[in-house]
Each structure stands twice: as C-alpha cells, then as structure tokens.
Amino acid sequence: MKRIGIAVGAVWLALPAAAQGETLYVSNERGDSVSVVDTASGQVTATWAVGGRPRGITLSKDGRYLYLCASTDHAVQVIDRATGKLVAELPSGQDPEQFALSRDGKTLFVANEDNAALTAIDLASRTVAFQVDVGGEPEGVAQSPDGQWVAVTSEEDNVVNWIDLGTRQMVAETPTDQRPRHVEFTADGAQLWVAAEIGGTVQIIDTTSRAVRETLRFEIPGVPAHRILPCGIRFTPDGRTAIVALGRADHVALVDVPTRKVRAYVPVGKRVWHVAISADGTQAYTANGLSDSVSVIDLAKAQVSATIAVGSAPWGIVAAP
C-alpha cells in the first residue's frame, strides 16, 4: 500500500482551543484512500492508498491502529496510524461495510453485505471467532454497553437483528422503517437509535422489550421529504445530543436526546454520510460524499465553522487525539 503525502486545500476558520489538536481519518469510497486531517491547521497532511471501496473506519482500543472495511477486497485492513502502512488484512467475510469494535477492544463485529452474515474477528489471533446468519444486506452494527448484545440492521428485510453474544445466536428481530442503515446504543443501554434511510426516520427501540417506542421525523424548510435520508448517528460524550446525518438533504439534525426534539438543522456538504465528534463534545465532523469534503460544526452555535477538501466520495470518519 503506497502512502502519498499530499495536502489538499481547505476553507478554514479558527477552532476553539479546546477542539484543536485532533486528527481525523476519512475513508474515501471512490478514491480508495484515507485522508488524514490535522484539525489544528485544517489541512490534509497525508493521503494513504488503501483497499477497494473503503467505508467503515474506526480506531483500535489503544489508538495505535485504524481498522478499515475494504469492501471490494472482502477484508478489514489494519493500518498503523504512525506510518500509514498496512500491517494486516483480517478475514472479514464478503463485502464488509460497517463494523463495531467490542467494548473490551478484543473483537470486531463486521456486517457482511453480500452473504448476509455478521462475522466476529478475534483481534489477537486475527482469525474468525464465529459467524452468525442475519437478514439481507446487513450494514449497521453496534454492541450494547453491557456487552451482551450485538444489534445488526438488515436493509433488505427492514429489521434489526439481535445477537446474543453468550450463545452466539440471533434470537430476535425488530421491524423498522425502510432500509435501516445505522444503529447506536445510548450510553445507559436503555435505547437503540436506528437510522432508516428510505423511511426518512430515526426510530428509538426500547432494549428491554426490543420494540420501537418512538419514531423521529425531520422537516427542513426548502428540502423535499424524499431527500431526507438518515444515515449516520453519533451521540455527544454527555449523551444529551444526537447528531444525525441526513444524506441527500445535505444537512445534519441536532436532536436533544431527553426531549427527542430537533434543536437545529445545520447545512453541510452534499450527501452527508457519517459523523464523528470531538473528544470534548464541542465539534462534529461530517463526511460529505458528493462534495469531497468534511464539514466542521460548532455544536454550541449550530453552524459550520470550516470546510476541508478531502478525497473522492468520503464515507466514514473517525476522530483521534
């Protein structure tokens, strides 16, 4: 894997001091690359060539490695953050798209879109620990805070699959609106938030009953309903705000978690896919798939403070110290 150290232009305004000093890693789906962004300067400091159609991206527990879904290579790549070099390819199953790192950092739970399965990879041995059949076109994956469950969305079947990690079996399904793409547990594990892209909604599942208890809909002045396509969801560290990427609406919604009310809609780049949040909870960063850019959002002001040009079709994004 080549490492290309090219800085790309940015439109940049000064960030608050508390939010400076982080590094963003952005997977560029059509660029077959990862852009490395220094948030203090607002510059792309390196572009790393990676496997085909990179999408899901996350950090190892110790922060040393990036894990990356190289979808057309049917592998999860392990990349050394210090050098940008590929150090391993993990046996992920067919067409990995998203994954979740286990709470203890020892396992990756990978959704395999082509063969309708969840693959659990043991990171110490870099082997498959187990695999569970799930619904068609699985994508979103999350582990519950207590470590007992993995929730996996099935875009084709319009359900969330519940996998009991004690038995390694899929034990229940929760029907959702059309094409659920992403799931996030609240910090207390009481709720699972589901982004249903074609349904245009975020649904909140009670994890005790595994039933949908509330459905959030979005209305943006001047934006047709058919363009509001919820994708990524992230919670701020205090758990009070959910940032929801709304796809072709070219906005994110800032949702007050206790009241379920939208506090603000923030216009960002085109076709926003996924979101990362700064460690101090003051900034959000969006991967804008049709703008080839990242938007930096000041969450207190609910407005974009900077736009950074990255690679072709940014899809996933993660922030690191």
C-alpha atoms as a PDB file:
ATOM      1  CA  MET A   1       0.000   0.000   0.000  1.00  0.00           C
ATOM      2  CA  LYS A   2       1.521   3.310  -1.063  1.00  0.00           C
ATOM      3  CA  ARG A   3       1.493   6.312   1.175  1.00  0.00           C
ATOM      4  CA  ILE A   4       1.013   9.591  -0.641  1.00  0.00           C
ATOM      5  CA  GLY A   5       1.757  12.698   1.399  1.00  0.00           C
ATOM      6  CA  ILE A   6      -0.349  15.313  -0.377  1.00  0.00           C
ATOM      7  CA  ALA A   7      -2.037  18.213   1.390  1.00  0.00           C
ATOM      8  CA  VAL A   8      -5.378  19.274  -0.088  1.00  0.00           C
ATOM      9  CA  GLY A   9      -6.815  22.775   0.101  1.00  0.00           C
ATOM     10  CA  ALA A  10      -9.262  23.837   2.793  1.00  0.00           C
ATOM     11  CA  VAL A  11     -11.537  26.670   3.713  1.00  0.00           C
ATOM     12  CA  TRP A  12     -10.680  27.166   7.381  1.00  0.00           C
ATOM     13  CA  LEU A  13     -11.759  29.315  10.288  1.00  0.00           C
ATOM     14  CA  ALA A  14     -10.104  29.123  13.706  1.00  0.00           C
ATOM     15  CA  LEU A  15     -11.477  26.463  16.035  1.00  0.00           C
ATOM     16  CA  PRO A  16     -11.910  26.941  19.777  1.00  0.00           C
ATOM     17  CA  ALA A  17      -8.727  25.944  21.596  1.00  0.00           C
ATOM     18  CA  ALA A  18     -10.401  23.003  23.333  1.00  0.00           C
ATOM     19  CA  ALA A  19     -11.225  21.361  19.987  1.00  0.00           C
ATOM     20  CA  GLN A  20      -7.770  21.746  18.437  1.00  0.00           C
ATOM     21  CA  GLY A  21      -5.147  19.054  18.198  1.00  0.00           C
ATOM     22  CA  GLU A  22      -7.239  16.130  16.982  1.00  0.00           C
ATOM     23  CA  THR A  23      -6.646  14.070  13.849  1.00  0.00           C
ATOM     24  CA  LEU A  24      -9.427  12.997  11.517  1.00  0.00           C
ATOM     25  CA  TYR A  25      -9.255   9.874   9.374  1.00  0.00           C
ATOM     26  CA  VAL A  26     -11.672   9.866   6.442  1.00  0.00           C
ATOM     27  CA  SER A  27     -12.392   6.863   4.225  1.00  0.00           C
ATOM     28  CA  ASN A  28     -12.848   7.943   0.593  1.00  0.00           C
ATOM     29  CA  GLU A  29     -15.138   5.401  -1.030  1.00  0.00           C
ATOM     30  CA  ARG A  30     -14.357   6.185  -4.663  1.00  0.00           C
ATOM     31  CA  GLY A  31     -10.817   7.353  -4.021  1.00  0.00           C
ATOM     32  CA  ASP A  32      -9.647   4.054  -2.460  1.00  0.00           C
ATOM     33  CA  SER A  33      -7.860   6.155   0.096  1.00  0.00           C
ATOM     34  CA  VAL A  34      -7.860   7.561   3.617  1.00  0.00           C
ATOM     35  CA  SER A  35      -7.383  11.296   4.132  1.00  0.00           C
ATOM     36  CA  VAL A  36      -5.521  12.313   7.307  1.00  0.00           C
ATOM     37  CA  VAL A  37      -6.644  15.730   8.567  1.00  0.00           C
ATOM     38  CA  ASP A  38      -4.980  17.858  11.225  1.00  0.00           C
ATOM     39  CA  THR A  39      -7.811  19.779  12.896  1.00  0.00           C
ATOM     40  CA  ALA A  40      -5.497  22.435  14.342  1.00  0.00           C
ATOM     41  CA  SER A  41      -4.414  23.620  10.889  1.00  0.00           C
ATOM     42  CA  GLY A  42      -7.392  22.392   8.882  1.00  0.00           C
ATOM     43  CA  GLN A  43      -5.024  20.668   6.444  1.00  0.00           C
ATOM     44  CA  VAL A  44      -4.888  17.219   4.909  1.00  0.00           C
ATOM     45  CA  THR A  45      -1.434  16.079   5.975  1.00  0.00           C
ATOM     46  CA  ALA A  46      -1.394  12.748   4.146  1.00  0.00           C
ATOM     47  CA  THR A  47      -3.431  10.583   1.807  1.00  0.00           C
ATOM     48  CA  TRP A  48      -2.989   6.823   2.214  1.00  0.00           C
ATOM     49  CA  ALA A  49      -3.823   4.403  -0.573  1.00  0.00           C
ATOM     50  CA  VAL A  50      -5.953   1.551   0.803  1.00  0.00           C
ATOM     51  CA  GLY A  51      -8.120  -1.308  -0.449  1.00  0.00           C
ATOM     52  CA  GLY A  52     -11.089  -1.070  -2.766  1.00  0.00           C
ATOM     53  CA  ARG A  53     -14.187   0.912  -1.798  1.00  0.00           C
ATOM     54  CA  PRO A  54     -13.233   1.797   1.794  1.00  0.00           C
ATOM     55  CA  ARG A  55     -16.206   2.544   4.031  1.00  0.00           C
ATOM     56  CA  GLY A  56     -16.395   1.728   7.759  1.00  0.00           C
ATOM     57  CA  ILE A  57     -13.441   3.059   9.775  1.00  0.00           C
ATOM     58  CA  THR A  58     -12.560   3.036  13.473  1.00  0.00           C
ATOM     59  CA  LEU A  59      -9.652   3.099  15.925  1.00  0.00           C
ATOM     60  CA  SER A  60      -8.194   0.259  17.929  1.00  0.00           C
ATOM     61  CA  LYS A  61      -8.698   0.405  21.683  1.00  0.00           C
ATOM     62  CA  ASP A  62      -5.112   1.555  22.259  1.00  0.00           C
ATOM     63  CA  GLY A  63      -5.288   4.074  19.407  1.00  0.00           C
ATOM     64  CA  ARG A  64      -2.367   2.518  17.588  1.00  0.00           C
ATOM     65  CA  TYR A  65      -4.233   1.162  14.569  1.00  0.00           C
ATOM     66  CA  LEU A  66      -7.030   2.057  12.215  1.00  0.00           C
ATOM     67  CA  TYR A  67      -9.451  -0.665  11.183  1.00  0.00           C
ATOM     68  CA  LEU A  68     -10.960  -0.138   7.739  1.00  0.00           C
ATOM     69  CA  CYS A  69     -13.584  -2.016   5.706  1.00  0.00           C
ATOM     70  CA  ALA A  70     -12.093  -2.547   2.234  1.00  0.00           C
ATOM     71  CA  SER A  71     -15.385  -3.679   0.765  1.00  0.00           C
ATOM     72  CA  THR A  72     -14.401  -4.868  -2.698  1.00  0.00           C
ATOM     73  CA  ASP A  73     -11.299  -6.578  -1.290  1.00  0.00           C
ATOM     74  CA  HIS A  74     -13.548  -8.510   1.161  1.00  0.00           C
ATOM     75  CA  ALA A  75     -11.226  -7.668   4.019  1.00  0.00           C
ATOM     76  CA  VAL A  76     -10.795  -5.475   7.053  1.00  0.00           C
ATOM     77  CA  GLN A  77      -7.449  -3.734   6.787  1.00  0.00           C
ATOM     78  CA  VAL A  78      -5.297  -2.899   9.804  1.00  0.00           C
ATOM     79  CA  ILE A  79      -3.304   0.309   9.278  1.00  0.00           C
ATOM     80  CA  ASP A  80      -0.532   1.635  11.511  1.00  0.00           C
ATOM     81  CA  ARG A  81      -1.518   5.205  12.434  1.00  0.00           C
ATOM     82  CA  ALA A  82       2.081   6.318  12.851  1.00  0.00           C
ATOM     83  CA  THR A  83       3.193   5.296   9.365  1.00  0.00           C
ATOM     84  CA  GLY A  84       0.043   4.769   7.284  1.00  0.00           C
ATOM     85  CA  LYS A  85       1.310   1.316   6.384  1.00  0.00           C
ATOM     86  CA  LEU A  86      -0.879  -1.760   6.002  1.00  0.00           C
ATOM     87  CA  VAL A  87       0.087  -4.273   8.685  1.00  0.00           C
ATOM     88  CA  ALA A  88      -2.603  -6.939   8.254  1.00  0.00           C
ATOM     89  CA  GLU A  89      -5.755  -7.919   6.426  1.00  0.00           C
ATOM     90  CA  LEU A  90      -8.407  -9.624   8.515  1.00  0.00           C
ATOM     91  CA  PRO A  91     -10.779 -12.339   7.206  1.00  0.00           C
ATOM     92  CA  SER A  92     -13.987 -10.328   7.298  1.00  0.00           C
ATOM     93  CA  GLY A  93     -16.402 -12.213   5.028  1.00  0.00           C
ATOM     94  CA  GLN A  94     -17.945 -10.872   1.828  1.00  0.00           C
ATOM     95  CA  ASP A  95     -18.309  -7.121   1.262  1.00  0.00           C
ATOM     96  CA  PRO A  96     -17.726  -5.677   4.736  1.00  0.00           C
ATOM     97  CA  GLU A  97     -19.396  -2.283   5.046  1.00  0.00           C
ATOM     98  CA  GLN A  98     -19.628  -1.311   8.705  1.00  0.00           C
ATOM     99  CA  PHE A  99     -18.399  -2.816  11.947  1.00  0.00           C
ATOM    100  CA  ALA A 100     -18.286  -2.282  15.675  1.00  0.00           C
ATOM    101  CA  LEU A 101     -15.277  -2.684  17.937  1.00  0.00           C
ATOM    102  CA  SER A 102     -16.188  -4.614  21.077  1.00  0.00           C
ATOM    103  CA  ARG A 103     -16.231  -2.770  24.390  1.00  0.00           C
ATOM    104  CA  ASP A 104     -13.063  -4.561  25.509  1.00  0.00           C
ATOM    105  CA  GLY A 105     -11.314  -3.878  22.199  1.00  0.00           C
ATOM    106  CA  LYS A 106     -10.687  -7.571  21.538  1.00  0.00           C
ATOM    107  CA  THR A 107     -13.245  -8.303  18.808  1.00  0.00           C
ATOM    108  CA  LEU A 108     -14.525  -6.690  15.645  1.00  0.00           C
ATOM    109  CA  PHE A 109     -18.135  -7.366  14.694  1.00  0.00           C
ATOM    110  CA  VAL A 110     -18.384  -6.973  10.914  1.00  0.00           C
ATOM    111  CA  ALA A 111     -21.522  -6.767   8.763  1.00  0.00           C
ATOM    112  CA  ASN A 112     -21.086  -8.711   5.515  1.00  0.00           C
ATOM    113  CA  GLU A 113     -23.481  -7.254   2.989  1.00  0.00           C
ATOM    114  CA  ASP A 114     -23.096  -9.887   0.260  1.00  0.00           C
ATOM    115  CA  ASN A 115     -23.502 -13.032   2.344  1.00  0.00           C
ATOM    116  CA  ALA A 116     -25.995 -11.765   4.949  1.00  0.00           C
ATOM    117  CA  ALA A 117     -23.863 -12.522   7.979  1.00  0.00           C
ATOM    118  CA  LEU A 118     -22.171 -10.995  10.980  1.00  0.00           C
ATOM    119  CA  THR A 119     -18.526 -12.035  11.292  1.00  0.00           C
ATOM    120  CA  ALA A 120     -16.767 -11.748  14.657  1.00  0.00           C
ATOM    121  CA  ILE A 121     -12.990 -11.384  14.296  1.00  0.00           C
ATOM    122  CA  ASP A 122     -10.671 -12.154  17.210  1.00  0.00           C
ATOM    123  CA  LEU A 123      -8.089  -9.379  17.000  1.00  0.00           C
ATOM    124  CA  ALA A 124      -5.378 -11.144  18.994  1.00  0.00           C
ATOM    125  CA  SER A 125      -5.249 -14.136  16.648  1.00  0.00           C
ATOM    126  CA  ARG A 126      -6.613 -12.254  13.607  1.00  0.00           C
ATOM    127  CA  THR A 127      -8.980 -15.126  12.886  1.00  0.00           C
ATOM    128  CA  VAL A 128     -12.748 -15.547  12.654  1.00  0.00           C
ATOM    129  CA  ALA A 129     -14.163 -16.359  16.090  1.00  0.00           C
ATOM    130  CA  PHE A 130     -17.677 -17.058  14.834  1.00  0.00           C
ATOM    131  CA  GLN A 131     -20.212 -16.083  12.208  1.00  0.00           C
ATOM    132  CA  VAL A 132     -23.987 -15.637  12.501  1.00  0.00           C
ATOM    133  CA  ASP A 133     -26.518 -15.505   9.670  1.00  0.00           C
ATOM    134  CA  VAL A 134     -28.655 -12.347   9.737  1.00  0.00           C
ATOM    135  CA  GLY A 135     -31.116 -10.605   7.437  1.00  0.00           C
ATOM    136  CA  GLY A 136     -30.351  -9.484   3.891  1.00  0.00           C
ATOM    137  CA  GLU A 137     -27.906  -6.639   3.266  1.00  0.00           C
ATOM    138  CA  PRO A 138     -26.689  -6.107   6.821  1.00  0.00           C
ATOM    139  CA  GLU A 139     -24.985  -2.789   7.429  1.00  0.00           C
ATOM    140  CA  GLY A 140     -25.235  -1.032  10.790  1.00  0.00           C
ATOM    141  CA  VAL A 141     -23.628  -2.755  13.793  1.00  0.00           C
ATOM    142  CA  ALA A 142     -23.446  -1.848  17.492  1.00  0.00           C
ATOM    143  CA  GLN A 143     -22.642  -3.670  20.723  1.00  0.00           C
ATOM    144  CA  SER A 144     -24.696  -2.930  23.822  1.00  0.00           C
ATOM    145  CA  PRO A 145     -22.887  -1.190  26.705  1.00  0.00           C
ATOM    146  CA  ASP A 146     -23.265  -4.291  28.909  1.00  0.00           C
ATOM    147  CA  GLY A 147     -21.540  -6.402  26.243  1.00  0.00           C
ATOM    148  CA  GLN A 148     -24.420  -8.872  25.981  1.00  0.00           C
ATOM    149  CA  TRP A 149     -25.886  -7.978  22.605  1.00  0.00           C
ATOM    150  CA  VAL A 150     -24.889  -7.038  19.095  1.00  0.00           C
ATOM    151  CA  ALA A 151     -27.547  -5.281  17.027  1.00  0.00           C
ATOM    152  CA  VAL A 152     -27.280  -5.548  13.228  1.00  0.00           C
ATOM    153  CA  THR A 153     -29.512  -3.809  10.705  1.00  0.00           C
ATOM    154  CA  SER A 154     -30.883  -5.606   7.653  1.00  0.00           C
ATOM    155  CA  GLU A 155     -31.560  -3.103   4.887  1.00  0.00           C
ATOM    156  CA  GLU A 156     -33.309  -5.658   2.691  1.00  0.00           C
ATOM    157  CA  ASP A 157     -35.595  -7.124   5.357  1.00  0.00           C
ATOM    158  CA  ASN A 158     -36.205  -3.844   7.248  1.00  0.00           C
ATOM    159  CA  VAL A 159     -35.333  -5.281  10.656  1.00  0.00           C
ATOM    160  CA  VAL A 160     -32.775  -5.046  13.426  1.00  0.00           C
ATOM    161  CA  ASN A 161     -31.313  -8.448  14.277  1.00  0.00           C
ATOM    162  CA  TRP A 162     -30.427  -9.148  17.921  1.00  0.00           C
ATOM    163  CA  ILE A 163     -27.454 -11.454  18.523  1.00  0.00           C
ATOM    164  CA  ASP A 164     -26.897 -12.895  21.993  1.00  0.00           C
ATOM    165  CA  LEU A 165     -23.123 -12.998  22.484  1.00  0.00           C
ATOM    166  CA  GLY A 166     -23.483 -15.594  25.230  1.00  0.00           C
ATOM    167  CA  THR A 167     -24.961 -18.145  22.847  1.00  0.00           C
ATOM    168  CA  ARG A 168     -23.697 -16.603  19.591  1.00  0.00           C
ATOM    169  CA  GLN A 169     -27.197 -16.903  18.180  1.00  0.00           C
ATOM    170  CA  MET A 170     -29.597 -14.464  16.545  1.00  0.00           C
ATOM    171  CA  VAL A 171     -32.542 -14.553  18.940  1.00  0.00           C
ATOM    172  CA  ALA A 172     -34.933 -11.786  17.819  1.00  0.00           C
ATOM    173  CA  GLU A 173     -35.818  -9.290  15.111  1.00  0.00           C
ATOM    174  CA  THR A 174     -37.337  -5.835  15.460  1.00  0.00           C
ATOM    175  CA  PRO A 175     -39.208  -4.497  12.393  1.00  0.00           C
ATOM    176  CA  THR A 176     -38.170  -0.975  11.346  1.00  0.00           C
ATOM    177  CA  ASP A 177     -38.927   1.569   8.665  1.00  0.00           C
ATOM    178  CA  GLN A 178     -37.362   1.050   5.231  1.00  0.00           C
ATOM    179  CA  ARG A 179     -33.661   0.370   4.843  1.00  0.00           C
ATOM    180  CA  PRO A 180     -32.180   0.745   8.319  1.00  0.00           C
ATOM    181  CA  ARG A 181     -28.550   1.764   7.807  1.00  0.00           C
ATOM    182  CA  HIS A 182     -27.054   2.598  11.176  1.00  0.00           C
ATOM    183  CA  VAL A 183     -27.588   1.847  14.873  1.00  0.00           C
ATOM    184  CA  GLU A 184     -26.300   3.412  18.088  1.00  0.00           C
ATOM    185  CA  PHE A 185     -26.995   2.434  21.710  1.00  0.00           C
ATOM    186  CA  THR A 186     -27.416   5.177  24.270  1.00  0.00           C
ATOM    187  CA  ALA A 187     -24.724   5.105  26.965  1.00  0.00           C
ATOM    188  CA  ASP A 188     -27.060   3.530  29.524  1.00  0.00           C
ATOM    189  CA  GLY A 189     -28.049   0.784  27.072  1.00  0.00           C
ATOM    190  CA  ALA A 190     -31.761   1.525  27.505  1.00  0.00           C
ATOM    191  CA  GLN A 191     -32.331   2.630  23.909  1.00  0.00           C
ATOM    192  CA  LEU A 192     -31.151   1.732  20.433  1.00  0.00           C
ATOM    193  CA  TRP A 193     -31.431   4.515  17.851  1.00  0.00           C
ATOM    194  CA  VAL A 194     -31.911   3.314  14.258  1.00  0.00           C
ATOM    195  CA  ALA A 195     -31.482   5.433  11.113  1.00  0.00           C
ATOM    196  CA  ALA A 196     -33.956   4.212   8.470  1.00  0.00           C
ATOM    197  CA  GLU A 197     -32.701   5.786   5.271  1.00  0.00           C
ATOM    198  CA  ILE A 198     -35.607   5.302   2.839  1.00  0.00           C
ATOM    199  CA  GLY A 199     -38.119   5.579   5.660  1.00  0.00           C
ATOM    200  CA  GLY A 200     -36.709   9.040   6.347  1.00  0.00           C
ATOM    201  CA  THR A 201     -36.827   8.423  10.098  1.00  0.00           C
ATOM    202  CA  VAL A 202     -34.848   7.651  13.213  1.00  0.00           C
ATOM    203  CA  GLN A 203     -36.569   5.037  15.341  1.00  0.00           C
ATOM    204  CA  ILE A 204     -35.922   4.540  19.044  1.00  0.00           C
ATOM    205  CA  ILE A 205     -36.095   0.953  20.292  1.00  0.00           C
ATOM    206  CA  ASP A 206     -36.568   0.065  23.943  1.00  0.00           C
ATOM    207  CA  THR A 207     -33.882  -2.552  24.523  1.00  0.00           C
ATOM    208  CA  THR A 208     -35.820  -4.424  27.220  1.00  0.00           C
ATOM    209  CA  SER A 209     -38.859  -5.100  25.055  1.00  0.00           C
ATOM    210  CA  ARG A 210     -36.981  -4.749  21.725  1.00  0.00           C
ATOM    211  CA  ALA A 211     -39.942  -2.750  20.435  1.00  0.00           C
ATOM    212  CA  VAL A 212     -39.961   0.604  18.655  1.00  0.00           C
ATOM    213  CA  ARG A 213     -41.194   3.176  21.167  1.00  0.00           C
ATOM    214  CA  GLU A 214     -40.778   6.370  19.180  1.00  0.00           C
ATOM    215  CA  THR A 215     -40.226   7.493  15.592  1.00  0.00           C
ATOM    216  CA  LEU A 216     -38.500  10.785  14.823  1.00  0.00           C
ATOM    217  CA  ARG A 217     -39.269  12.589  11.574  1.00  0.00           C
ATOM    218  CA  PHE A 218     -37.433  15.522  10.070  1.00  0.00           C
ATOM    219  CA  GLU A 219     -38.715  18.587   8.229  1.00  0.00           C
ATOM    220  CA  ILE A 220     -36.228  21.040   6.739  1.00  0.00           C
ATOM    221  CA  PRO A 221     -37.553  24.212   5.117  1.00  0.00           C
ATOM    222  CA  GLY A 222     -36.935  24.102   1.382  1.00  0.00           C
ATOM    223  CA  VAL A 223     -35.812  20.450   1.348  1.00  0.00           C
ATOM    224  CA  PRO A 224     -38.185  17.857  -0.203  1.00  0.00           C
ATOM    225  CA  ALA A 225     -39.031  14.931   2.077  1.00  0.00           C
ATOM    226  CA  HIS A 226     -37.657  12.391  -0.409  1.00  0.00           C
ATOM    227  CA  ARG A 227     -34.167  13.856   0.043  1.00  0.00           C
ATOM    228  CA  ILE A 228     -34.158  13.378   3.820  1.00  0.00           C
ATOM    229  CA  LEU A 229     -32.273  10.079   4.122  1.00  0.00           C
ATOM    230  CA  PRO A 230     -30.930   9.441   7.648  1.00  0.00           C
ATOM    231  CA  CYS A 231     -27.611   7.605   7.744  1.00  0.00           C
ATOM    232  CA  GLY A 232     -25.002   8.027  10.481  1.00  0.00           C
ATOM    233  CA  ILE A 233     -25.847   8.807  14.110  1.00  0.00           C
ATOM    234  CA  ARG A 234     -23.459   9.827  16.881  1.00  0.00           C
ATOM    235  CA  PHE A 235     -24.081  10.964  20.456  1.00  0.00           C
ATOM    236  CA  THR A 236     -22.086  13.699  22.150  1.00  0.00           C
ATOM    237  CA  PRO A 237     -19.967  12.499  25.107  1.00  0.00           C
ATOM    238  CA  ASP A 238     -22.512  13.831  27.615  1.00  0.00           C
ATOM    239  CA  GLY A 239     -25.260  11.851  25.866  1.00  0.00           C
ATOM    240  CA  ARG A 240     -27.530  14.869  25.521  1.00  0.00           C
ATOM    241  CA  THR A 241     -27.331  15.472  21.777  1.00  0.00           C
ATOM    242  CA  ALA A 242     -27.619  13.115  18.825  1.00  0.00           C
ATOM    243  CA  ILE A 243     -26.093  14.274  15.549  1.00  0.00           C
ATOM    244  CA  VAL A 244     -27.956  12.644  12.657  1.00  0.00           C
ATOM    245  CA  ALA A 245     -26.584  12.760   9.108  1.00  0.00           C
ATOM    246  CA  LEU A 246     -29.498  13.294   6.724  1.00  0.00           C
ATOM    247  CA  GLY A 247     -27.947  12.143   3.453  1.00  0.00           C
ATOM    248  CA  ARG A 248     -29.131  13.958   0.324  1.00  0.00           C
ATOM    249  CA  ALA A 249     -30.835  16.598   2.441  1.00  0.00           C
ATOM    250  CA  ASP A 250     -27.281  17.985   2.824  1.00  0.00           C
ATOM    251  CA  HIS A 251     -27.965  18.736   6.496  1.00  0.00           C
ATOM    252  CA  VAL A 252     -27.419  17.204   9.878  1.00  0.00           C
ATOM    253  CA  ALA A 253     -30.003  17.337  12.642  1.00  0.00           C
ATOM    254  CA  LEU A 254     -29.009  18.145  16.210  1.00  0.00           C
ATOM    255  CA  VAL A 255     -31.515  16.233  18.341  1.00  0.00           C
ATOM    256  CA  ASP A 256     -31.984  16.812  22.070  1.00  0.00           C
ATOM    257  CA  VAL A 257     -31.931  13.258  23.426  1.00  0.00           C
ATOM    258  CA  PRO A 258     -34.092  13.749  26.569  1.00  0.00           C
ATOM    259  CA  THR A 259     -36.914  15.523  24.697  1.00  0.00           C
ATOM    260  CA  ARG A 260     -36.400  13.947  21.225  1.00  0.00           C
ATOM    261  CA  LYS A 261     -36.776  17.418  19.705  1.00  0.00           C
ATOM    262  CA  VAL A 262     -34.624  18.756  16.876  1.00  0.00           C
ATOM    263  CA  ARG A 263     -32.636  21.685  18.265  1.00  0.00           C
ATOM    264  CA  ALA A 264     -31.283  22.743  14.893  1.00  0.00           C
ATOM    265  CA  TYR A 265     -30.680  21.707  11.306  1.00  0.00           C
ATOM    266  CA  VAL A 266     -27.185  22.523  10.090  1.00  0.00           C
ATOM    267  CA  PRO A 267     -26.473  22.712   6.330  1.00  0.00           C
ATOM    268  CA  VAL A 268     -23.256  20.859   5.436  1.00  0.00           C
ATOM    269  CA  GLY A 269     -21.801  19.405   2.227  1.00  0.00           C
ATOM    270  CA  LYS A 270     -23.625  17.246  -0.287  1.00  0.00           C
ATOM    271  CA  ARG A 271     -24.736  13.689   0.550  1.00  0.00           C
ATOM    272  CA  VAL A 272     -23.562  13.592   4.154  1.00  0.00           C
ATOM    273  CA  TRP A 273     -22.898  10.000   5.179  1.00  0.00           C
ATOM    274  CA  HIS A 274     -21.316   9.731   8.600  1.00  0.00           C
ATOM    275  CA  VAL A 275     -20.297  11.832  11.567  1.00  0.00           C
ATOM    276  CA  ALA A 276     -17.522  11.991  14.180  1.00  0.00           C
ATOM    277  CA  ILE A 277     -17.467  14.102  17.342  1.00  0.00           C
ATOM    278  CA  SER A 278     -14.530  15.743  19.090  1.00  0.00           C
ATOM    279  CA  ALA A 279     -13.475  14.305  22.434  1.00  0.00           C
ATOM    280  CA  ASP A 280     -14.657  17.426  24.271  1.00  0.00           C
ATOM    281  CA  GLY A 281     -18.053  17.333  22.559  1.00  0.00           C
ATOM    282  CA  THR A 282     -17.816  20.844  21.111  1.00  0.00           C
ATOM    283  CA  GLN A 283     -17.341  19.928  17.451  1.00  0.00           C
ATOM    284  CA  ALA A 284     -18.838  17.483  14.963  1.00  0.00           C
ATOM    285  CA  TYR A 285     -17.210  16.452  11.688  1.00  0.00           C
ATOM    286  CA  THR A 286     -19.176  15.181   8.676  1.00  0.00           C
ATOM    287  CA  ALA A 287     -18.133  13.093   5.677  1.00  0.00           C
ATOM    288  CA  ASN A 288     -19.811  14.704   2.648  1.00  0.00           C
ATOM    289  CA  GLY A 289     -19.871  12.080  -0.090  1.00  0.00           C
ATOM    290  CA  LEU A 290     -20.744  14.249  -3.090  1.00  0.00           C
ATOM    291  CA  SER A 291     -18.780  17.337  -2.041  1.00  0.00           C
ATOM    292  CA  ASP A 292     -15.493  15.507  -1.416  1.00  0.00           C
ATOM    293  CA  SER A 293     -15.265  17.423   1.824  1.00  0.00           C
ATOM    294  CA  VAL A 294     -15.536  17.394   5.609  1.00  0.00           C
ATOM    295  CA  SER A 295     -17.656  19.988   7.392  1.00  0.00           C
ATOM    296  CA  VAL A 296     -16.630  21.110  10.880  1.00  0.00           C
ATOM    297  CA  ILE A 297     -19.658  22.025  13.017  1.00  0.00           C
ATOM    298  CA  ASP A 298     -19.553  24.214  16.095  1.00  0.00           C
ATOM    299  CA  LEU A 299     -22.233  22.451  18.130  1.00  0.00           C
ATOM    300  CA  ALA A 300     -22.894  25.326  20.532  1.00  0.00           C
ATOM    301  CA  LYS A 301     -23.554  27.708  17.648  1.00  0.00           C
ATOM    302  CA  ALA A 302     -25.129  25.017  15.423  1.00  0.00           C
ATOM    303  CA  GLN A 303     -23.203  26.215  12.406  1.00  0.00           C
ATOM    304  CA  VAL A 304     -20.341  25.133  10.162  1.00  0.00           C
ATOM    305  CA  SER A 305     -17.057  26.752  11.136  1.00  0.00           C
ATOM    306  CA  ALA A 306     -14.874  25.183   8.427  1.00  0.00           C
ATOM    307  CA  THR A 307     -14.932  23.076   5.284  1.00  0.00           C
ATOM    308  CA  ILE A 308     -11.977  20.843   4.407  1.00  0.00           C
ATOM    309  CA  ALA A 309     -11.403  19.271   0.982  1.00  0.00           C
ATOM    310  CA  VAL A 310     -10.543  15.552   1.198  1.00  0.00           C
ATOM    311  CA  GLY A 311     -10.552  12.599  -1.234  1.00  0.00           C
ATOM    312  CA  SER A 312     -13.191  11.268  -3.617  1.00  0.00           C
ATOM    313  CA  ALA A 313     -16.545  10.366  -2.021  1.00  0.00           C
ATOM    314  CA  PRO A 314     -15.785  10.470   1.708  1.00  0.00           C
ATOM    315  CA  TRP A 315     -17.938   7.924   3.536  1.00  0.00           C
ATOM    316  CA  GLY A 316     -16.616   7.132   7.034  1.00  0.00           C
ATOM    317  CA  ILE A 317     -14.879   9.382   9.536  1.00  0.00           C
ATOM    318  CA  VAL A 318     -13.230   8.970  12.932  1.00  0.00           C
ATOM    319  CA  ALA A 319     -11.553  11.491  15.247  1.00  0.00           C
ATOM    320  CA  ALA A 320      -8.459  10.660  17.306  1.00  0.00           C
ATOM    321  CA  PRO A 321      -6.326  12.542  19.858  1.00  0.00           C
END
